Amino acid sequence: MNRDRALQILSQCKPVLQERFGLSALSLFGSTARDSADDNSDVDILVDFDGPATSKQFFGVQFYLEDQLGSAVDLVTAKALRKELKPYVNKDKIDV
């Protein structure tokens, strides 16, 4: 999936994610954000929630986005992002 299409879909999904799952932030990163994804690439998404996320919220967001994007999603919360990976994620990150 190319970057522009992914961002278009994510922008359309964001209001639903905010309402249904309490999402407070949504960003694209990784190969799709760099527009270098191939057919085997997943879509890397960084999210944050209004409060502590339950597994129902987390997996609800992941499955919803996989359905909408038609691709595997690697969903990461800002709180769970390992310290050593933050510079790489922040370099590619595109806020939706």
N, C-alpha and C. Protein backbone atom coordinates (compact mmCIF):
# COMPACT_ATOMS: atom_id res chain seq x y z
N MET A 1 0.85 -1.18 0.00
CA MET A 1 0.00 0.00 0.00
C MET A 1 0.89 1.24 0.00
N ASN A 2 0.50 2.22 -0.79
CA ASN A 2 1.32 3.43 -0.82
C ASN A 2 0.91 4.39 0.29
N ARG A 3 1.79 5.32 0.57
CA ARG A 3 1.62 6.26 1.68
C ARG A 3 0.34 7.09 1.55
N ASP A 4 0.09 7.65 0.38
CA ASP A 4 -1.07 8.52 0.23
C ASP A 4 -2.38 7.78 0.46
N ARG A 5 -2.48 6.56 -0.05
CA ARG A 5 -3.70 5.77 0.14
C ARG A 5 -3.87 5.42 1.61
N ALA A 6 -2.79 5.01 2.27
CA ALA A 6 -2.86 4.67 3.69
C ALA A 6 -3.30 5.87 4.52
N LEU A 7 -2.75 7.03 4.24
CA LEU A 7 -3.11 8.24 4.99
C LEU A 7 -4.56 8.64 4.74
N GLN A 8 -5.03 8.45 3.52
CA GLN A 8 -6.42 8.75 3.20
C GLN A 8 -7.36 7.85 4.02
N ILE A 9 -7.07 6.56 4.05
CA ILE A 9 -7.90 5.61 4.80
C ILE A 9 -7.84 5.91 6.29
N LEU A 10 -6.64 6.15 6.80
CA LEU A 10 -6.49 6.44 8.23
C LEU A 10 -7.24 7.71 8.62
N SER A 11 -7.19 8.72 7.77
CA SER A 11 -7.92 9.96 8.06
C SER A 11 -9.42 9.72 8.13
N GLN A 12 -9.92 8.85 7.26
CA GLN A 12 -11.35 8.53 7.28
C GLN A 12 -11.71 7.70 8.51
N CYS A 13 -10.81 6.87 8.97
CA CYS A 13 -11.06 5.98 10.12
C CYS A 13 -10.93 6.69 11.46
N LYS A 14 -10.14 7.73 11.53
CA LYS A 14 -9.81 8.34 12.82
C LYS A 14 -11.03 8.74 13.65
N PRO A 15 -12.06 9.40 13.10
CA PRO A 15 -13.21 9.74 13.94
C PRO A 15 -13.91 8.52 14.55
N VAL A 16 -13.99 7.45 13.79
CA VAL A 16 -14.60 6.21 14.29
C VAL A 16 -13.75 5.63 15.41
N LEU A 17 -12.44 5.63 15.23
CA LEU A 17 -11.53 5.09 16.24
C LEU A 17 -11.59 5.92 17.52
N GLN A 18 -11.71 7.21 17.39
CA GLN A 18 -11.81 8.07 18.56
C GLN A 18 -13.10 7.78 19.33
N GLU A 19 -14.19 7.65 18.60
CA GLU A 19 -15.49 7.44 19.24
C GLU A 19 -15.63 6.03 19.83
N ARG A 20 -15.25 5.02 19.06
CA ARG A 20 -15.48 3.64 19.49
C ARG A 20 -14.44 3.11 20.46
N PHE A 21 -13.19 3.59 20.32
CA PHE A 21 -12.11 2.99 21.09
C PHE A 21 -11.34 3.97 21.97
N GLY A 22 -11.71 5.23 22.00
CA GLY A 22 -11.03 6.20 22.84
C GLY A 22 -9.63 6.56 22.35
N LEU A 23 -9.43 6.52 21.05
CA LEU A 23 -8.13 6.84 20.48
C LEU A 23 -7.87 8.34 20.59
N SER A 24 -6.66 8.71 21.01
CA SER A 24 -6.32 10.13 21.11
C SER A 24 -5.24 10.56 20.12
N ALA A 25 -4.49 9.61 19.57
CA ALA A 25 -3.45 9.94 18.59
C ALA A 25 -3.28 8.78 17.63
N LEU A 26 -2.99 9.11 16.38
CA LEU A 26 -2.85 8.11 15.32
C LEU A 26 -1.75 8.58 14.38
N SER A 27 -0.74 7.73 14.17
CA SER A 27 0.38 8.08 13.28
C SER A 27 0.77 6.87 12.45
N LEU A 28 1.22 7.15 11.26
CA LEU A 28 1.76 6.14 10.35
C LEU A 28 3.28 6.23 10.43
N PHE A 29 3.95 5.07 10.45
CA PHE A 29 5.42 5.08 10.41
C PHE A 29 5.89 3.86 9.64
N GLY A 30 7.19 3.69 9.52
CA GLY A 30 7.74 2.52 8.85
C GLY A 30 7.74 2.65 7.33
N SER A 31 7.80 1.50 6.66
CA SER A 31 7.96 1.49 5.21
C SER A 31 6.81 2.16 4.47
N THR A 32 5.60 2.05 4.99
CA THR A 32 4.47 2.71 4.32
C THR A 32 4.62 4.23 4.42
N ALA A 33 5.04 4.73 5.56
CA ALA A 33 5.25 6.18 5.72
C ALA A 33 6.38 6.67 4.83
N ARG A 34 7.39 5.82 4.62
CA ARG A 34 8.51 6.19 3.74
C ARG A 34 8.16 5.97 2.27
N ASP A 35 6.98 5.42 2.01
CA ASP A 35 6.51 5.08 0.67
C ASP A 35 7.44 4.08 -0.01
N SER A 36 7.94 3.13 0.80
CA SER A 36 8.80 2.08 0.25
C SER A 36 8.26 0.68 0.56
N ALA A 37 6.98 0.60 0.91
CA ALA A 37 6.37 -0.70 1.23
C ALA A 37 6.21 -1.52 -0.03
N ASP A 38 6.32 -2.85 0.13
CA ASP A 38 6.03 -3.75 -0.99
C ASP A 38 4.78 -4.57 -0.65
N ASP A 39 4.45 -5.52 -1.50
CA ASP A 39 3.22 -6.30 -1.31
C ASP A 39 3.22 -7.12 -0.03
N ASN A 40 4.39 -7.42 0.51
CA ASN A 40 4.49 -8.23 1.73
C ASN A 40 4.59 -7.39 3.00
N SER A 41 4.62 -6.09 2.86
CA SER A 41 4.79 -5.20 4.02
C SER A 41 3.50 -5.08 4.82
N ASP A 42 3.68 -5.00 6.14
CA ASP A 42 2.53 -4.64 6.97
C ASP A 42 2.49 -3.12 7.08
N VAL A 43 1.46 -2.61 7.71
CA VAL A 43 1.33 -1.17 7.91
C VAL A 43 1.59 -0.89 9.38
N ASP A 44 2.61 -0.08 9.65
CA ASP A 44 3.00 0.24 11.02
C ASP A 44 2.24 1.47 11.50
N ILE A 45 1.53 1.30 12.61
CA ILE A 45 0.69 2.37 13.15
C ILE A 45 1.03 2.59 14.62
N LEU A 46 1.24 3.85 14.97
CA LEU A 46 1.48 4.25 16.35
C LEU A 46 0.22 4.93 16.88
N VAL A 47 -0.26 4.48 18.03
CA VAL A 47 -1.49 5.04 18.59
C VAL A 47 -1.30 5.41 20.05
N ASP A 48 -2.22 6.22 20.52
CA ASP A 48 -2.32 6.52 21.94
C ASP A 48 -3.81 6.58 22.27
N PHE A 49 -4.13 6.27 23.51
CA PHE A 49 -5.51 6.24 23.96
C PHE A 49 -5.74 7.31 25.01
N ASP A 50 -7.00 7.65 25.22
CA ASP A 50 -7.36 8.67 26.22
C ASP A 50 -6.92 8.28 27.62
N GLY A 51 -6.92 7.01 27.92
CA GLY A 51 -6.50 6.50 29.22
C GLY A 51 -5.81 5.17 29.01
N PRO A 52 -5.67 4.38 30.06
CA PRO A 52 -5.08 3.05 29.89
C PRO A 52 -5.92 2.23 28.91
N ALA A 53 -5.26 1.61 27.96
CA ALA A 53 -5.96 0.83 26.93
C ALA A 53 -6.21 -0.59 27.41
N THR A 54 -7.41 -1.05 27.19
CA THR A 54 -7.73 -2.45 27.46
C THR A 54 -7.36 -3.27 26.23
N SER A 55 -7.28 -4.57 26.41
CA SER A 55 -6.99 -5.43 25.26
C SER A 55 -8.12 -5.33 24.23
N LYS A 56 -9.34 -5.13 24.70
CA LYS A 56 -10.48 -4.97 23.78
C LYS A 56 -10.30 -3.73 22.90
N GLN A 57 -9.84 -2.64 23.49
CA GLN A 57 -9.59 -1.42 22.72
C GLN A 57 -8.44 -1.63 21.73
N PHE A 58 -7.33 -2.17 22.23
CA PHE A 58 -6.14 -2.34 21.40
C PHE A 58 -6.45 -3.23 20.19
N PHE A 59 -6.99 -4.42 20.46
CA PHE A 59 -7.25 -5.34 19.36
C PHE A 59 -8.43 -4.88 18.51
N GLY A 60 -9.36 -4.15 19.10
CA GLY A 60 -10.44 -3.56 18.31
C GLY A 60 -9.89 -2.60 17.26
N VAL A 61 -8.96 -1.75 17.66
CA VAL A 61 -8.33 -0.82 16.73
C VAL A 61 -7.55 -1.60 15.67
N GLN A 62 -6.76 -2.58 16.10
CA GLN A 62 -5.95 -3.34 15.14
C GLN A 62 -6.82 -4.04 14.10
N PHE A 63 -7.84 -4.74 14.54
CA PHE A 63 -8.68 -5.49 13.60
C PHE A 63 -9.48 -4.55 12.70
N TYR A 64 -9.96 -3.44 13.26
CA TYR A 64 -10.70 -2.46 12.46
C TYR A 64 -9.79 -1.91 11.35
N LEU A 65 -8.56 -1.55 11.71
CA LEU A 65 -7.65 -0.99 10.71
C LEU A 65 -7.24 -2.03 9.68
N GLU A 66 -7.04 -3.27 10.09
CA GLU A 66 -6.71 -4.31 9.12
C GLU A 66 -7.84 -4.48 8.11
N ASP A 67 -9.07 -4.45 8.58
CA ASP A 67 -10.22 -4.55 7.68
C ASP A 67 -10.26 -3.37 6.71
N GLN A 68 -10.05 -2.18 7.22
CA GLN A 68 -10.14 -0.97 6.39
C GLN A 68 -8.98 -0.85 5.40
N LEU A 69 -7.78 -1.22 5.86
CA LEU A 69 -6.59 -1.09 5.01
C LEU A 69 -6.41 -2.29 4.08
N GLY A 70 -7.02 -3.42 4.43
CA GLY A 70 -6.84 -4.63 3.63
C GLY A 70 -5.43 -5.16 3.71
N SER A 71 -4.79 -4.95 4.86
CA SER A 71 -3.40 -5.33 5.05
C SER A 71 -3.16 -5.62 6.52
N ALA A 72 -2.12 -6.39 6.80
CA ALA A 72 -1.73 -6.63 8.19
C ALA A 72 -1.27 -5.32 8.81
N VAL A 73 -1.61 -5.14 10.08
CA VAL A 73 -1.25 -3.92 10.80
C VAL A 73 -0.38 -4.29 11.99
N ASP A 74 0.75 -3.61 12.13
CA ASP A 74 1.59 -3.72 13.32
C ASP A 74 1.25 -2.49 14.16
N LEU A 75 0.44 -2.71 15.20
CA LEU A 75 -0.05 -1.62 16.03
C LEU A 75 0.82 -1.50 17.28
N VAL A 76 1.28 -0.29 17.55
CA VAL A 76 2.14 -0.03 18.70
C VAL A 76 1.58 1.17 19.45
N THR A 77 1.52 1.06 20.78
CA THR A 77 1.12 2.22 21.57
C THR A 77 2.36 3.04 21.90
N ALA A 78 2.17 4.33 22.04
CA ALA A 78 3.29 5.21 22.37
C ALA A 78 3.95 4.78 23.68
N LYS A 79 3.15 4.32 24.63
CA LYS A 79 3.70 3.90 25.92
C LYS A 79 4.51 2.62 25.82
N ALA A 80 4.16 1.74 24.88
CA ALA A 80 4.86 0.46 24.75
C ALA A 80 6.07 0.53 23.82
N LEU A 81 6.25 1.64 23.14
CA LEU A 81 7.35 1.77 22.20
C LEU A 81 8.68 1.78 22.94
N ARG A 82 9.55 0.86 22.56
CA ARG A 82 10.84 0.76 23.24
C ARG A 82 11.67 2.02 22.99
N LYS A 83 12.36 2.42 24.04
CA LYS A 83 13.15 3.66 24.03
C LYS A 83 14.13 3.72 22.86
N GLU A 84 14.79 2.61 22.57
CA GLU A 84 15.79 2.60 21.51
C GLU A 84 15.18 2.71 20.11
N LEU A 85 13.87 2.44 19.98
CA LEU A 85 13.21 2.54 18.68
C LEU A 85 12.59 3.91 18.42
N LYS A 86 12.41 4.69 19.47
CA LYS A 86 11.73 5.98 19.32
C LYS A 86 12.35 6.89 18.26
N PRO A 87 13.68 7.03 18.20
CA PRO A 87 14.25 7.92 17.18
C PRO A 87 13.91 7.48 15.75
N TYR A 88 13.88 6.18 15.51
CA TYR A 88 13.57 5.67 14.17
C TYR A 88 12.10 5.89 13.83
N VAL A 89 11.24 5.63 14.80
CA VAL A 89 9.80 5.83 14.59
C VAL A 89 9.52 7.32 14.38
N ASN A 90 10.09 8.16 15.20
CA ASN A 90 9.85 9.60 15.10
C ASN A 90 10.35 10.19 13.78
N LYS A 91 11.41 9.60 13.23
CA LYS A 91 11.96 10.08 11.96
C LYS A 91 10.96 9.87 10.81
N ASP A 92 10.26 8.72 10.83
CA ASP A 92 9.32 8.37 9.76
C ASP A 92 7.89 8.80 10.02
N LYS A 93 7.58 9.08 11.26
CA LYS A 93 6.19 9.24 11.70
C LYS A 93 5.46 10.37 10.99
N ILE A 94 4.23 10.04 10.55
CA ILE A 94 3.34 11.04 9.97
C ILE A 94 2.06 11.02 10.79
N ASP A 95 1.77 12.11 11.48
CA ASP A 95 0.56 12.19 12.29
C ASP A 95 -0.66 12.32 11.39
N VAL A 96 -1.72 11.63 11.79
CA VAL A 96 -2.97 11.67 11.02
C VAL A 96 -3.93 12.61 11.73
